[in-house]
């Protein structure tokens, strides 16, 4: 059997650039090199596409000094990466792409649109699913049709906030009691999210969130277990959900630093939860994944309250694969090693039904 070529994309222009690099290095280590030749494409925070030589270069950051530009051709008749060095270009055909990109310009349907145009199979959710799942407001609108409980919220448009912040704050205070969480609609890894206990903190949080997106969500604070569930499959393949894991944040809430840089934060696989709430989380995760037209993989996050009520939080269509990320750990707990999981995701990419 001849080897296929897989292009792995990492980095990206979002605030989750460094997390993407961490995830990519771990994924690349698990790709079967007997079956695949791996072409590494790093995207700088400025948006420049460069070829990386090795996983070691990804971990050290040396790839950012590469002199070889590497872009995917949108020409569907080529299905290739164009490498350019010293003004000279050559084309390398690729069979499949794995965009290990978190946040805007990677997890939001943009790069997925490029793969669709180029007719290149790719790992993960499609254009629509990626876009609506990345946007927390539109995710809420879809989930509201499923009769699954989610946090009460007030949507805020940044231009309206700038025009009349006092009116926006008054609207929020009339709708939700303090404390509240303020979130950019399009951001991941808890970037730009703050907790507000009073009006001053709310104003500061709205300003912070508006620096990340033009749409903001202000949500009621939910007290309970922070739970995550992994989903795999889609299309004409059965949608499978893992067990559940609990986040034990070292901070007041699971913000970016608590996730990746606070060693006191930890995760618990198969925690003790009230009644049958773990099973209800699994079923709800599958429902939500199907409702957003998910394909390949996603991590669906919930709160489980002390009385056993489950509350949907958000869905991530390209969850982290860092050393502390829940998605691969949840599948490992079900006997699916990282290597087998990655192989299955790539296989699903080839099996995606084309338009």
C-alpha atoms as a PDB file:
ATOM      1  CA  UNK A   1       0.000   0.000   0.000  1.00  0.00           C
ATOM      2  CA  UNK A   2       1.496   3.322  -1.079  1.00  0.00           C
ATOM      3  CA  UNK A   3       1.871   6.042   1.503  1.00  0.00           C
ATOM      4  CA  UNK A   4      -0.397   9.074   1.428  1.00  0.00           C
ATOM      5  CA  UNK A   5       0.656  12.624   2.207  1.00  0.00           C
ATOM      6  CA  UNK A   6      -1.018  14.500   5.045  1.00  0.00           C
ATOM      7  CA  UNK A   7      -0.629  18.243   5.496  1.00  0.00           C
ATOM      8  CA  UNK A   8      -0.798  19.257   9.157  1.00  0.00           C
ATOM      9  CA  UNK A   9      -1.639  22.919   9.751  1.00  0.00           C
ATOM     10  CA  UNK A  10      -0.889  24.599  13.079  1.00  0.00           C
ATOM     11  CA  UNK A  11      -0.326  27.984  14.704  1.00  0.00           C
ATOM     12  CA  UNK A  12      -2.755  30.446  13.177  1.00  0.00           C
ATOM     13  CA  UNK A  13      -3.806  34.049  13.648  1.00  0.00           C
ATOM     14  CA  UNK A  14      -5.940  33.601  16.752  1.00  0.00           C
ATOM     15  CA  UNK A  15      -5.111  34.213  20.393  1.00  0.00           C
ATOM     16  CA  UNK A  16      -4.834  30.431  20.718  1.00  0.00           C
ATOM     17  CA  UNK A  17      -1.759  30.295  18.469  1.00  0.00           C
ATOM     18  CA  UNK A  18       0.517  28.798  21.103  1.00  0.00           C
ATOM     19  CA  UNK A  19      -2.088  26.211  22.156  1.00  0.00           C
ATOM     20  CA  UNK A  20      -2.383  25.095  18.528  1.00  0.00           C
ATOM     21  CA  UNK A  21       1.378  24.555  18.363  1.00  0.00           C
ATOM     22  CA  UNK A  22       1.253  22.493  21.553  1.00  0.00           C
ATOM     23  CA  UNK A  23      -1.643  20.415  20.208  1.00  0.00           C
ATOM     24  CA  UNK A  24      -0.034  19.879  16.818  1.00  0.00           C
ATOM     25  CA  UNK A  25       3.227  18.563  18.238  1.00  0.00           C
ATOM     26  CA  UNK A  26       1.331  15.906  20.199  1.00  0.00           C
ATOM     27  CA  UNK A  27      -0.844  14.914  17.239  1.00  0.00           C
ATOM     28  CA  UNK A  28       2.093  14.649  14.854  1.00  0.00           C
ATOM     29  CA  UNK A  29       3.860  12.298  17.268  1.00  0.00           C
ATOM     30  CA  UNK A  30       0.897   9.916  16.930  1.00  0.00           C
ATOM     31  CA  UNK A  31       0.490   9.871  13.131  1.00  0.00           C
ATOM     32  CA  UNK A  32       1.480   6.528  11.618  1.00  0.00           C
ATOM     33  CA  UNK A  33       4.538   7.348   9.485  1.00  0.00           C
ATOM     34  CA  UNK A  34       4.351   3.922   7.833  1.00  0.00           C
ATOM     35  CA  UNK A  35       1.092   5.044   6.237  1.00  0.00           C
ATOM     36  CA  UNK A  36       1.606   8.795   5.876  1.00  0.00           C
ATOM     37  CA  UNK A  37       4.249  11.251   4.786  1.00  0.00           C
ATOM     38  CA  UNK A  38       3.748  14.385   6.889  1.00  0.00           C
ATOM     39  CA  UNK A  39       4.039  17.915   5.538  1.00  0.00           C
ATOM     40  CA  UNK A  40       4.093  20.521   8.316  1.00  0.00           C
ATOM     41  CA  UNK A  41       2.595  23.948   7.637  1.00  0.00           C
ATOM     42  CA  UNK A  42       2.850  26.595  10.326  1.00  0.00           C
ATOM     43  CA  UNK A  43       0.809  29.797  10.163  1.00  0.00           C
ATOM     44  CA  UNK A  44       2.322  32.736  12.032  1.00  0.00           C
ATOM     45  CA  UNK A  45       0.247  35.116  14.132  1.00  0.00           C
ATOM     46  CA  UNK A  46       0.661  37.631  11.309  1.00  0.00           C
ATOM     47  CA  UNK A  47      -0.837  35.108   8.878  1.00  0.00           C
ATOM     48  CA  UNK A  48       2.254  33.960   7.006  1.00  0.00           C
ATOM     49  CA  UNK A  49       2.283  30.302   5.909  1.00  0.00           C
ATOM     50  CA  UNK A  50       5.628  28.535   6.332  1.00  0.00           C
ATOM     51  CA  UNK A  51       6.925  24.996   6.035  1.00  0.00           C
ATOM     52  CA  UNK A  52       8.252  23.488   9.258  1.00  0.00           C
ATOM     53  CA  UNK A  53      10.945  20.831   9.183  1.00  0.00           C
ATOM     54  CA  UNK A  54      10.186  18.867  12.335  1.00  0.00           C
ATOM     55  CA  UNK A  55       8.155  18.505  15.508  1.00  0.00           C
ATOM     56  CA  UNK A  56      11.198  19.744  17.393  1.00  0.00           C
ATOM     57  CA  UNK A  57      11.012  22.998  15.424  1.00  0.00           C
ATOM     58  CA  UNK A  58       7.348  23.344  16.375  1.00  0.00           C
ATOM     59  CA  UNK A  59       8.094  22.864  20.065  1.00  0.00           C
ATOM     60  CA  UNK A  60      11.039  25.269  20.015  1.00  0.00           C
ATOM     61  CA  UNK A  61       9.378  27.848  17.766  1.00  0.00           C
ATOM     62  CA  UNK A  62      12.222  27.663  15.247  1.00  0.00           C
ATOM     63  CA  UNK A  63       9.706  27.055  12.436  1.00  0.00           C
ATOM     64  CA  UNK A  64       8.833  30.758  12.475  1.00  0.00           C
ATOM     65  CA  UNK A  65      12.274  31.449  10.963  1.00  0.00           C
ATOM     66  CA  UNK A  66      11.644  29.142   7.999  1.00  0.00           C
ATOM     67  CA  UNK A  67      12.519  30.544   4.586  1.00  0.00           C
ATOM     68  CA  UNK A  68      10.116  28.215   2.780  1.00  0.00           C
ATOM     69  CA  UNK A  69       6.626  29.539   2.172  1.00  0.00           C
ATOM     70  CA  UNK A  70       3.932  26.843   2.047  1.00  0.00           C
ATOM     71  CA  UNK A  71       0.385  27.562   0.900  1.00  0.00           C
ATOM     72  CA  UNK A  72      -2.438  25.262  -0.126  1.00  0.00           C
ATOM     73  CA  UNK A  73      -3.615  25.840  -3.675  1.00  0.00           C
ATOM     74  CA  UNK A  74      -7.369  26.473  -3.967  1.00  0.00           C
ATOM     75  CA  UNK A  75      -7.278  24.902  -7.452  1.00  0.00           C
ATOM     76  CA  UNK A  76      -9.343  21.705  -7.198  1.00  0.00           C
ATOM     77  CA  UNK A  77      -7.451  20.139 -10.087  1.00  0.00           C
ATOM     78  CA  UNK A  78      -4.122  20.376  -8.248  1.00  0.00           C
ATOM     79  CA  UNK A  79      -4.800  19.285  -4.636  1.00  0.00           C
ATOM     80  CA  UNK A  80      -1.370  20.424  -3.590  1.00  0.00           C
ATOM     81  CA  UNK A  81       0.806  22.580  -1.388  1.00  0.00           C
ATOM     82  CA  UNK A  82       2.889  25.214  -3.175  1.00  0.00           C
ATOM     83  CA  UNK A  83       6.346  25.565  -1.649  1.00  0.00           C
ATOM     84  CA  UNK A  84       8.309  28.707  -2.500  1.00  0.00           C
ATOM     85  CA  UNK A  85      11.961  29.310  -1.620  1.00  0.00           C
ATOM     86  CA  UNK A  86      14.271  31.961  -3.058  1.00  0.00           C
ATOM     87  CA  UNK A  87      11.670  32.846  -5.673  1.00  0.00           C
ATOM     88  CA  UNK A  88      11.369  29.290  -6.973  1.00  0.00           C
ATOM     89  CA  UNK A  89       8.193  27.276  -6.486  1.00  0.00           C
ATOM     90  CA  UNK A  90       7.310  23.610  -6.580  1.00  0.00           C
ATOM     91  CA  UNK A  91       4.109  21.710  -5.943  1.00  0.00           C
ATOM     92  CA  UNK A  92       3.673  18.776  -3.555  1.00  0.00           C
ATOM     93  CA  UNK A  93       0.446  16.795  -3.982  1.00  0.00           C
ATOM     94  CA  UNK A  94      -1.405  16.067  -0.738  1.00  0.00           C
ATOM     95  CA  UNK A  95      -4.140  13.555   0.001  1.00  0.00           C
ATOM     96  CA  UNK A  96      -5.610  14.923   3.224  1.00  0.00           C
ATOM     97  CA  UNK A  97      -5.286  17.884   5.597  1.00  0.00           C
ATOM     98  CA  UNK A  98      -5.387  18.024   9.394  1.00  0.00           C
ATOM     99  CA  UNK A  99      -6.027  21.624  10.518  1.00  0.00           C
ATOM    100  CA  UNK A 100      -4.979  21.630  14.184  1.00  0.00           C
ATOM    101  CA  UNK A 101      -6.033  25.246  14.467  1.00  0.00           C
ATOM    102  CA  UNK A 102      -7.962  26.664  17.405  1.00  0.00           C
ATOM    103  CA  UNK A 103     -10.093  29.784  17.363  1.00  0.00           C
ATOM    104  CA  UNK A 104     -10.755  32.264  14.527  1.00  0.00           C
ATOM    105  CA  UNK A 105      -9.205  31.661  11.103  1.00  0.00           C
ATOM    106  CA  UNK A 106      -8.958  27.932  11.738  1.00  0.00           C
ATOM    107  CA  UNK A 107     -11.806  26.537  13.809  1.00  0.00           C
ATOM    108  CA  UNK A 108     -14.501  28.839  12.429  1.00  0.00           C
ATOM    109  CA  UNK A 109     -15.068  27.479   8.909  1.00  0.00           C
ATOM    110  CA  UNK A 110     -12.574  29.720   7.121  1.00  0.00           C
ATOM    111  CA  UNK A 111      -9.824  27.203   6.415  1.00  0.00           C
ATOM    112  CA  UNK A 112     -12.458  24.491   5.987  1.00  0.00           C
ATOM    113  CA  UNK A 113     -13.828  26.553   3.095  1.00  0.00           C
ATOM    114  CA  UNK A 114     -10.391  26.488   1.474  1.00  0.00           C
ATOM    115  CA  UNK A 115     -10.273  22.681   1.704  1.00  0.00           C
ATOM    116  CA  UNK A 116     -13.773  22.443   0.220  1.00  0.00           C
ATOM    117  CA  UNK A 117     -12.767  24.636  -2.720  1.00  0.00           C
ATOM    118  CA  UNK A 118      -9.606  22.610  -3.270  1.00  0.00           C
ATOM    119  CA  UNK A 119     -11.500  19.287  -2.913  1.00  0.00           C
ATOM    120  CA  UNK A 120      -8.994  18.129  -0.307  1.00  0.00           C
ATOM    121  CA  UNK A 121     -10.303  15.768   2.406  1.00  0.00           C
ATOM    122  CA  UNK A 122      -9.784  17.212   5.875  1.00  0.00           C
ATOM    123  CA  UNK A 123     -10.128  16.220   9.506  1.00  0.00           C
ATOM    124  CA  UNK A 124     -12.943  17.725  11.514  1.00  0.00           C
ATOM    125  CA  UNK A 125     -16.218  19.555  11.112  1.00  0.00           C
ATOM    126  CA  UNK A 126     -17.328  21.246   7.909  1.00  0.00           C
ATOM    127  CA  UNK A 127     -17.812  24.918   7.085  1.00  0.00           C
ATOM    128  CA  UNK A 128     -21.281  25.379   8.584  1.00  0.00           C
ATOM    129  CA  UNK A 129     -20.684  23.277  11.679  1.00  0.00           C
ATOM    130  CA  UNK A 130     -17.365  24.974  12.391  1.00  0.00           C
ATOM    131  CA  UNK A 131     -18.824  28.454  11.937  1.00  0.00           C
ATOM    132  CA  UNK A 132     -21.931  28.070  14.108  1.00  0.00           C
ATOM    133  CA  UNK A 133     -20.062  26.154  16.813  1.00  0.00           C
ATOM    134  CA  UNK A 134     -17.353  28.790  16.986  1.00  0.00           C
ATOM    135  CA  UNK A 135     -19.961  31.513  17.443  1.00  0.00           C
ATOM    136  CA  UNK A 136     -21.412  31.032  20.941  1.00  0.00           C
ATOM    137  CA  UNK A 137     -24.482  33.127  20.145  1.00  0.00           C
ATOM    138  CA  UNK A 138     -25.515  31.046  17.149  1.00  0.00           C
ATOM    139  CA  UNK A 139     -24.729  27.853  19.014  1.00  0.00           C
ATOM    140  CA  UNK A 140     -27.194  28.963  21.687  1.00  0.00           C
ATOM    141  CA  UNK A 141     -29.867  29.636  19.079  1.00  0.00           C
ATOM    142  CA  UNK A 142     -29.475  26.124  17.682  1.00  0.00           C
ATOM    143  CA  UNK A 143     -29.353  24.401  21.072  1.00  0.00           C
ATOM    144  CA  UNK A 144     -32.480  26.283  22.156  1.00  0.00           C
ATOM    145  CA  UNK A 145     -34.436  24.121  19.689  1.00  0.00           C
ATOM    146  CA  UNK A 146     -33.356  20.950  21.525  1.00  0.00           C
ATOM    147  CA  UNK A 147     -34.923  21.782  24.898  1.00  0.00           C
ATOM    148  CA  UNK A 148     -31.529  21.362  26.543  1.00  0.00           C
ATOM    149  CA  UNK A 149     -30.982  23.769  29.442  1.00  0.00           C
ATOM    150  CA  UNK A 150     -28.317  26.406  28.894  1.00  0.00           C
ATOM    151  CA  UNK A 151     -27.264  29.510  30.798  1.00  0.00           C
ATOM    152  CA  UNK A 152     -29.533  32.542  30.451  1.00  0.00           C
ATOM    153  CA  UNK A 153     -27.771  35.260  28.455  1.00  0.00           C
ATOM    154  CA  UNK A 154     -27.902  38.742  27.009  1.00  0.00           C
ATOM    155  CA  UNK A 155     -26.276  39.317  23.594  1.00  0.00           C
ATOM    156  CA  UNK A 156     -24.301  42.545  23.151  1.00  0.00           C
ATOM    157  CA  UNK A 157     -23.039  44.102  19.926  1.00  0.00           C
ATOM    158  CA  UNK A 158     -19.743  45.931  20.312  1.00  0.00           C
ATOM    159  CA  UNK A 159     -20.847  48.949  18.270  1.00  0.00           C
ATOM    160  CA  UNK A 160     -23.888  49.418  20.494  1.00  0.00           C
ATOM    161  CA  UNK A 161     -21.715  49.061  23.577  1.00  0.00           C
ATOM    162  CA  UNK A 162     -19.419  51.795  22.297  1.00  0.00           C
ATOM    163  CA  UNK A 163     -22.359  54.057  21.468  1.00  0.00           C
ATOM    164  CA  UNK A 164     -24.179  53.773  24.812  1.00  0.00           C
ATOM    165  CA  UNK A 165     -22.469  51.586  27.439  1.00  0.00           C
ATOM    166  CA  UNK A 166     -24.785  52.714  30.255  1.00  0.00           C
ATOM    167  CA  UNK A 167     -27.871  51.557  28.356  1.00  0.00           C
ATOM    168  CA  UNK A 168     -26.259  48.168  27.674  1.00  0.00           C
ATOM    169  CA  UNK A 169     -25.274  47.706  31.305  1.00  0.00           C
ATOM    170  CA  UNK A 170     -28.775  48.646  32.459  1.00  0.00           C
ATOM    171  CA  UNK A 171     -30.283  46.105  30.064  1.00  0.00           C
ATOM    172  CA  UNK A 172     -27.989  43.395  31.425  1.00  0.00           C
ATOM    173  CA  UNK A 173     -28.695  44.276  35.054  1.00  0.00           C
ATOM    174  CA  UNK A 174     -32.437  44.120  34.423  1.00  0.00           C
ATOM    175  CA  UNK A 175     -32.087  40.639  32.893  1.00  0.00           C
ATOM    176  CA  UNK A 176     -29.419  38.907  34.995  1.00  0.00           C
ATOM    177  CA  UNK A 177     -28.304  39.054  38.631  1.00  0.00           C
ATOM    178  CA  UNK A 178     -24.638  39.359  39.536  1.00  0.00           C
ATOM    179  CA  UNK A 179     -22.296  37.587  39.220  1.00  0.00           C
ATOM    180  CA  UNK A 180     -22.255  37.179  35.435  1.00  0.00           C
ATOM    181  CA  UNK A 181     -19.734  35.908  32.920  1.00  0.00           C
ATOM    182  CA  UNK A 182     -18.764  38.097  29.972  1.00  0.00           C
ATOM    183  CA  UNK A 183     -17.596  36.239  26.863  1.00  0.00           C
ATOM    184  CA  UNK A 184     -16.594  37.123  23.305  1.00  0.00           C
ATOM    185  CA  UNK A 185     -18.939  35.198  20.988  1.00  0.00           C
ATOM    186  CA  UNK A 186     -16.007  33.981  18.878  1.00  0.00           C
ATOM    187  CA  UNK A 187     -13.019  32.978  20.968  1.00  0.00           C
ATOM    188  CA  UNK A 188     -11.639  29.825  22.507  1.00  0.00           C
ATOM    189  CA  UNK A 189      -9.558  28.649  25.446  1.00  0.00           C
ATOM    190  CA  UNK A 190     -11.475  31.134  27.602  1.00  0.00           C
ATOM    191  CA  UNK A 191      -9.710  34.068  25.943  1.00  0.00           C
ATOM    192  CA  UNK A 192     -11.343  37.384  26.794  1.00  0.00           C
ATOM    193  CA  UNK A 193     -13.714  35.846  29.358  1.00  0.00           C
ATOM    194  CA  UNK A 194     -14.179  37.612  32.687  1.00  0.00           C
ATOM    195  CA  UNK A 195     -16.417  37.271  35.722  1.00  0.00           C
ATOM    196  CA  UNK A 196     -18.242  40.381  36.903  1.00  0.00           C
ATOM    197  CA  UNK A 197     -19.510  40.824  40.464  1.00  0.00           C
ATOM    198  CA  UNK A 198     -20.646  44.436  40.004  1.00  0.00           C
ATOM    199  CA  UNK A 199     -21.247  47.193  37.467  1.00  0.00           C
ATOM    200  CA  UNK A 200     -17.617  48.354  37.287  1.00  0.00           C
ATOM    201  CA  UNK A 201     -16.359  44.824  36.655  1.00  0.00           C
ATOM    202  CA  UNK A 202     -19.092  44.363  34.062  1.00  0.00           C
ATOM    203  CA  UNK A 203     -17.988  47.472  32.169  1.00  0.00           C
ATOM    204  CA  UNK A 204     -14.368  46.303  32.295  1.00  0.00           C
ATOM    205  CA  UNK A 205     -15.348  42.831  31.142  1.00  0.00           C
ATOM    206  CA  UNK A 206     -17.393  44.179  28.240  1.00  0.00           C
ATOM    207  CA  UNK A 207     -14.430  46.285  27.138  1.00  0.00           C
ATOM    208  CA  UNK A 208     -12.122  43.272  27.357  1.00  0.00           C
ATOM    209  CA  UNK A 209     -14.500  41.046  25.388  1.00  0.00           C
ATOM    210  CA  UNK A 210     -15.028  43.694  22.692  1.00  0.00           C
ATOM    211  CA  UNK A 211     -11.303  43.544  22.007  1.00  0.00           C
ATOM    212  CA  UNK A 212     -11.748  39.926  20.901  1.00  0.00           C
ATOM    213  CA  UNK A 213     -14.996  40.045  18.933  1.00  0.00           C
ATOM    214  CA  UNK A 214     -17.806  42.263  17.669  1.00  0.00           C
ATOM    215  CA  UNK A 215     -20.413  40.123  19.460  1.00  0.00           C
ATOM    216  CA  UNK A 216     -20.434  39.495  23.214  1.00  0.00           C
ATOM    217  CA  UNK A 217     -22.452  37.211  25.470  1.00  0.00           C
ATOM    218  CA  UNK A 218     -23.215  38.053  29.078  1.00  0.00           C
ATOM    219  CA  UNK A 219     -24.330  34.899  30.872  1.00  0.00           C
ATOM    220  CA  UNK A 220     -25.734  33.933  34.234  1.00  0.00           C
ATOM    221  CA  UNK A 221     -23.206  32.247  36.518  1.00  0.00           C
ATOM    222  CA  UNK A 222     -23.906  28.536  36.938  1.00  0.00           C
ATOM    223  CA  UNK A 223     -22.681  26.808  40.082  1.00  0.00           C
ATOM    224  CA  UNK A 224     -21.776  23.168  39.601  1.00  0.00           C
ATOM    225  CA  UNK A 225     -19.321  20.637  38.246  1.00  0.00           C
ATOM    226  CA  UNK A 226     -17.536  21.718  35.035  1.00  0.00           C
ATOM    227  CA  UNK A 227     -17.930  18.695  32.790  1.00  0.00           C
ATOM    228  CA  UNK A 228     -16.594  17.828  29.344  1.00  0.00           C
ATOM    229  CA  UNK A 229     -17.587  15.050  26.947  1.00  0.00           C
ATOM    230  CA  UNK A 230     -15.822  13.907  23.755  1.00  0.00           C
ATOM    231  CA  UNK A 231     -17.718  13.066  20.554  1.00  0.00           C
ATOM    232  CA  UNK A 232     -16.484  11.104  17.546  1.00  0.00           C
ATOM    233  CA  UNK A 233     -18.116  10.214  14.212  1.00  0.00           C
ATOM    234  CA  UNK A 234     -20.824  11.851  12.118  1.00  0.00           C
ATOM    235  CA  UNK A 235     -22.313  11.641   8.666  1.00  0.00           C
ATOM    236  CA  UNK A 236     -23.388   8.066   8.005  1.00  0.00           C
ATOM    237  CA  UNK A 237     -21.097   6.862  10.793  1.00  0.00           C
ATOM    238  CA  UNK A 238     -22.470   6.362  14.319  1.00  0.00           C
ATOM    239  CA  UNK A 239     -21.909   9.317  16.629  1.00  0.00           C
ATOM    240  CA  UNK A 240     -20.068   8.043  19.696  1.00  0.00           C
ATOM    241  CA  UNK A 241     -19.629   9.862  22.984  1.00  0.00           C
ATOM    242  CA  UNK A 242     -16.993   9.119  25.593  1.00  0.00           C
ATOM    243  CA  UNK A 243     -17.450   9.125  29.317  1.00  0.00           C
ATOM    244  CA  UNK A 244     -17.211  12.485  31.043  1.00  0.00           C
ATOM    245  CA  UNK A 245     -14.409  14.384  32.721  1.00  0.00           C
ATOM    246  CA  UNK A 246     -14.468  17.117  35.319  1.00  0.00           C
ATOM    247  CA  UNK A 247     -12.382  20.282  35.360  1.00  0.00           C
ATOM    248  CA  UNK A 248     -11.011  21.311  38.752  1.00  0.00           C
ATOM    249  CA  UNK A 249      -9.797  24.841  38.091  1.00  0.00           C
ATOM    250  CA  UNK A 250      -7.088  26.373  40.239  1.00  0.00           C
ATOM    251  CA  UNK A 251      -8.585  29.816  39.598  1.00  0.00           C
ATOM    252  CA  UNK A 252     -12.028  31.310  40.206  1.00  0.00           C
ATOM    253  CA  UNK A 253     -12.972  29.910  36.803  1.00  0.00           C
ATOM    254  CA  UNK A 254     -11.219  27.947  34.080  1.00  0.00           C
ATOM    255  CA  UNK A 255      -9.559  30.801  32.216  1.00  0.00           C
ATOM    256  CA  UNK A 256      -6.638  30.565  29.779  1.00  0.00           C
ATOM    257  CA  UNK A 257      -3.910  30.648  32.415  1.00  0.00           C
ATOM    258  CA  UNK A 258      -5.720  28.125  34.614  1.00  0.00           C
ATOM    259  CA  UNK A 259      -6.036  25.788  31.621  1.00  0.00           C
ATOM    260  CA  UNK A 260      -2.486  25.791  30.371  1.00  0.00           C
ATOM    261  CA  UNK A 261      -0.135  27.378  32.871  1.00  0.00           C
ATOM    262  CA  UNK A 262      -1.416  26.673  36.386  1.00  0.00           C
ATOM    263  CA  UNK A 263      -0.190  23.276  37.513  1.00  0.00           C
ATOM    264  CA  UNK A 264      -2.759  23.221  40.313  1.00  0.00           C
ATOM    265  CA  UNK A 265      -5.592  22.887  37.779  1.00  0.00           C
ATOM    266  CA  UNK A 266      -6.444  19.259  37.136  1.00  0.00           C
ATOM    267  CA  UNK A 267      -8.945  16.965  35.475  1.00  0.00           C
ATOM    268  CA  UNK A 268     -10.803  13.927  36.761  1.00  0.00           C
ATOM    269  CA  UNK A 269     -12.039  11.204  34.430  1.00  0.00           C
ATOM    270  CA  UNK A 270     -15.397   9.637  35.324  1.00  0.00           C
ATOM    271  CA  UNK A 271     -16.067  11.793  38.392  1.00  0.00           C
ATOM    272  CA  UNK A 272     -18.845  11.026  40.824  1.00  0.00           C
ATOM    273  CA  UNK A 273     -21.910  12.972  39.704  1.00  0.00           C
ATOM    274  CA  UNK A 274     -25.502  13.094  40.940  1.00  0.00           C
ATOM    275  CA  UNK A 275     -27.833  10.352  39.690  1.00  0.00           C
ATOM    276  CA  UNK A 276     -27.659   9.571  35.971  1.00  0.00           C
ATOM    277  CA  UNK A 277     -26.351  13.012  35.014  1.00  0.00           C
ATOM    278  CA  UNK A 278     -23.213  11.599  33.326  1.00  0.00           C
ATOM    279  CA  UNK A 279     -25.351   9.552  30.943  1.00  0.00           C
ATOM    280  CA  UNK A 280     -27.601  12.549  30.253  1.00  0.00           C
ATOM    281  CA  UNK A 281     -24.513  14.628  29.437  1.00  0.00           C
ATOM    282  CA  UNK A 282     -23.417  11.983  26.928  1.00  0.00           C
ATOM    283  CA  UNK A 283     -26.801  11.924  25.208  1.00  0.00           C
ATOM    284  CA  UNK A 284     -27.038  15.716  25.146  1.00  0.00           C
ATOM    285  CA  UNK A 285     -23.519  15.951  23.681  1.00  0.00           C
ATOM    286  CA  UNK A 286     -24.541  13.645  20.828  1.00  0.00           C
ATOM    287  CA  UNK A 287     -27.741  15.645  20.240  1.00  0.00           C
ATOM    288  CA  UNK A 288     -25.874  18.941  20.080  1.00  0.00           C
ATOM    289  CA  UNK A 289     -23.183  17.519  17.799  1.00  0.00           C
ATOM    290  CA  UNK A 290     -25.846  16.317  15.373  1.00  0.00           C
ATOM    291  CA  UNK A 291     -27.814  19.573  15.615  1.00  0.00           C
ATOM    292  CA  UNK A 292     -24.823  21.646  14.455  1.00  0.00           C
ATOM    293  CA  UNK A 293     -24.143  19.109  11.673  1.00  0.00           C
ATOM    294  CA  UNK A 294     -20.937  17.987  13.368  1.00  0.00           C
ATOM    295  CA  UNK A 295     -18.480  15.638  11.716  1.00  0.00           C
ATOM    296  CA  UNK A 296     -15.292  14.003  12.909  1.00  0.00           C
ATOM    297  CA  UNK A 297     -14.815  15.302  16.417  1.00  0.00           C
ATOM    298  CA  UNK A 298     -15.916  17.787  19.033  1.00  0.00           C
ATOM    299  CA  UNK A 299     -15.763  18.346  22.764  1.00  0.00           C
ATOM    300  CA  UNK A 300     -19.025  19.409  24.354  1.00  0.00           C
ATOM    301  CA  UNK A 301     -18.934  21.207  27.709  1.00  0.00           C
ATOM    302  CA  UNK A 302     -21.584  21.300  30.428  1.00  0.00           C
ATOM    303  CA  UNK A 303     -22.222  22.184  34.032  1.00  0.00           C
ATOM    304  CA  UNK A 304     -23.800  19.606  36.306  1.00  0.00           C
ATOM    305  CA  UNK A 305     -25.570  21.189  39.254  1.00  0.00           C
ATOM    306  CA  UNK A 306     -25.756  19.556  42.671  1.00  0.00           C
ATOM    307  CA  UNK A 307     -29.357  18.507  42.048  1.00  0.00           C
ATOM    308  CA  UNK A 308     -28.266  16.654  38.901  1.00  0.00           C
ATOM    309  CA  UNK A 309     -29.535  19.210  36.370  1.00  0.00           C
ATOM    310  CA  UNK A 310     -27.258  19.505  33.331  1.00  0.00           C
ATOM    311  CA  UNK A 311     -26.589  22.872  31.691  1.00  0.00           C
ATOM    312  CA  UNK A 312     -24.937  23.151  28.261  1.00  0.00           C
ATOM    313  CA  UNK A 313     -21.962  25.525  28.102  1.00  0.00           C
ATOM    314  CA  UNK A 314     -20.283  25.314  24.676  1.00  0.00           C
ATOM    315  CA  UNK A 315     -19.007  23.057  21.907  1.00  0.00           C
ATOM    316  CA  UNK A 316     -15.458  23.015  20.487  1.00  0.00           C
ATOM    317  CA  UNK A 317     -15.012  21.496  17.025  1.00  0.00           C
ATOM    318  CA  UNK A 318     -11.219  21.294  17.206  1.00  0.00           C
ATOM    319  CA  UNK A 319     -10.525  20.557  20.878  1.00  0.00           C
ATOM    320  CA  UNK A 320      -7.034  20.739  22.269  1.00  0.00           C
ATOM    321  CA  UNK A 321      -4.580  17.866  22.046  1.00  0.00           C
ATOM    322  CA  UNK A 322      -2.098  19.236  24.558  1.00  0.00           C
ATOM    323  CA  UNK A 323      -0.652  17.057  27.305  1.00  0.00           C
ATOM    324  CA  UNK A 324      -3.471  18.138  29.643  1.00  0.00           C
ATOM    325  CA  UNK A 325      -6.345  18.244  27.125  1.00  0.00           C
ATOM    326  CA  UNK A 326      -9.486  16.355  28.007  1.00  0.00           C
ATOM    327  CA  UNK A 327     -10.499  15.135  24.540  1.00  0.00           C
ATOM    328  CA  UNK A 328      -7.768  12.510  24.028  1.00  0.00           C
ATOM    329  CA  UNK A 329      -7.781  11.586  27.727  1.00  0.00           C
ATOM    330  CA  UNK A 330     -11.493  10.794  27.630  1.00  0.00           C
ATOM    331  CA  UNK A 331     -11.019   8.398  24.715  1.00  0.00           C
ATOM    332  CA  UNK A 332      -7.947   6.815  26.282  1.00  0.00           C
ATOM    333  CA  UNK A 333     -10.086   6.049  29.328  1.00  0.00           C
ATOM    334  CA  UNK A 334     -12.359   4.108  26.962  1.00  0.00           C
ATOM    335  CA  UNK A 335      -9.480   2.096  25.529  1.00  0.00           C
ATOM    336  CA  UNK A 336      -8.850   4.242  22.442  1.00  0.00           C
ATOM    337  CA  UNK A 337      -5.172   5.186  22.371  1.00  0.00           C
ATOM    338  CA  UNK A 338      -4.030   8.506  20.949  1.00  0.00           C
ATOM    339  CA  UNK A 339      -2.527   6.738  17.917  1.00  0.00           C
ATOM    340  CA  UNK A 340      -5.738   4.858  17.138  1.00  0.00           C
ATOM    341  CA  UNK A 341      -7.822   7.996  17.759  1.00  0.00           C
ATOM    342  CA  UNK A 342      -5.742  10.068  15.337  1.00  0.00           C
ATOM    343  CA  UNK A 343      -5.877   7.308  12.731  1.00  0.00           C
ATOM    344  CA  UNK A 344      -9.660   7.119  13.078  1.00  0.00           C
ATOM    345  CA  UNK A 345     -10.008  10.883  12.640  1.00  0.00           C
ATOM    346  CA  UNK A 346      -7.938  10.781   9.454  1.00  0.00           C
ATOM    347  CA  UNK A 347      -9.984   7.840   8.164  1.00  0.00           C
ATOM    348  CA  UNK A 348     -13.177   9.810   8.810  1.00  0.00           C
ATOM    349  CA  UNK A 349     -11.726  12.637   6.712  1.00  0.00           C
ATOM    350  CA  UNK A 350     -11.417  10.325   3.721  1.00  0.00           C
ATOM    351  CA  UNK A 351     -14.936   8.966   4.302  1.00  0.00           C
ATOM    352  CA  UNK A 352     -16.617  12.390   4.397  1.00  0.00           C
ATOM    353  CA  UNK A 353     -19.317  12.530   1.751  1.00  0.00           C
ATOM    354  CA  UNK A 354     -18.573  15.206  -0.836  1.00  0.00           C
ATOM    355  CA  UNK A 355     -21.184  17.645  -2.067  1.00  0.00           C
END
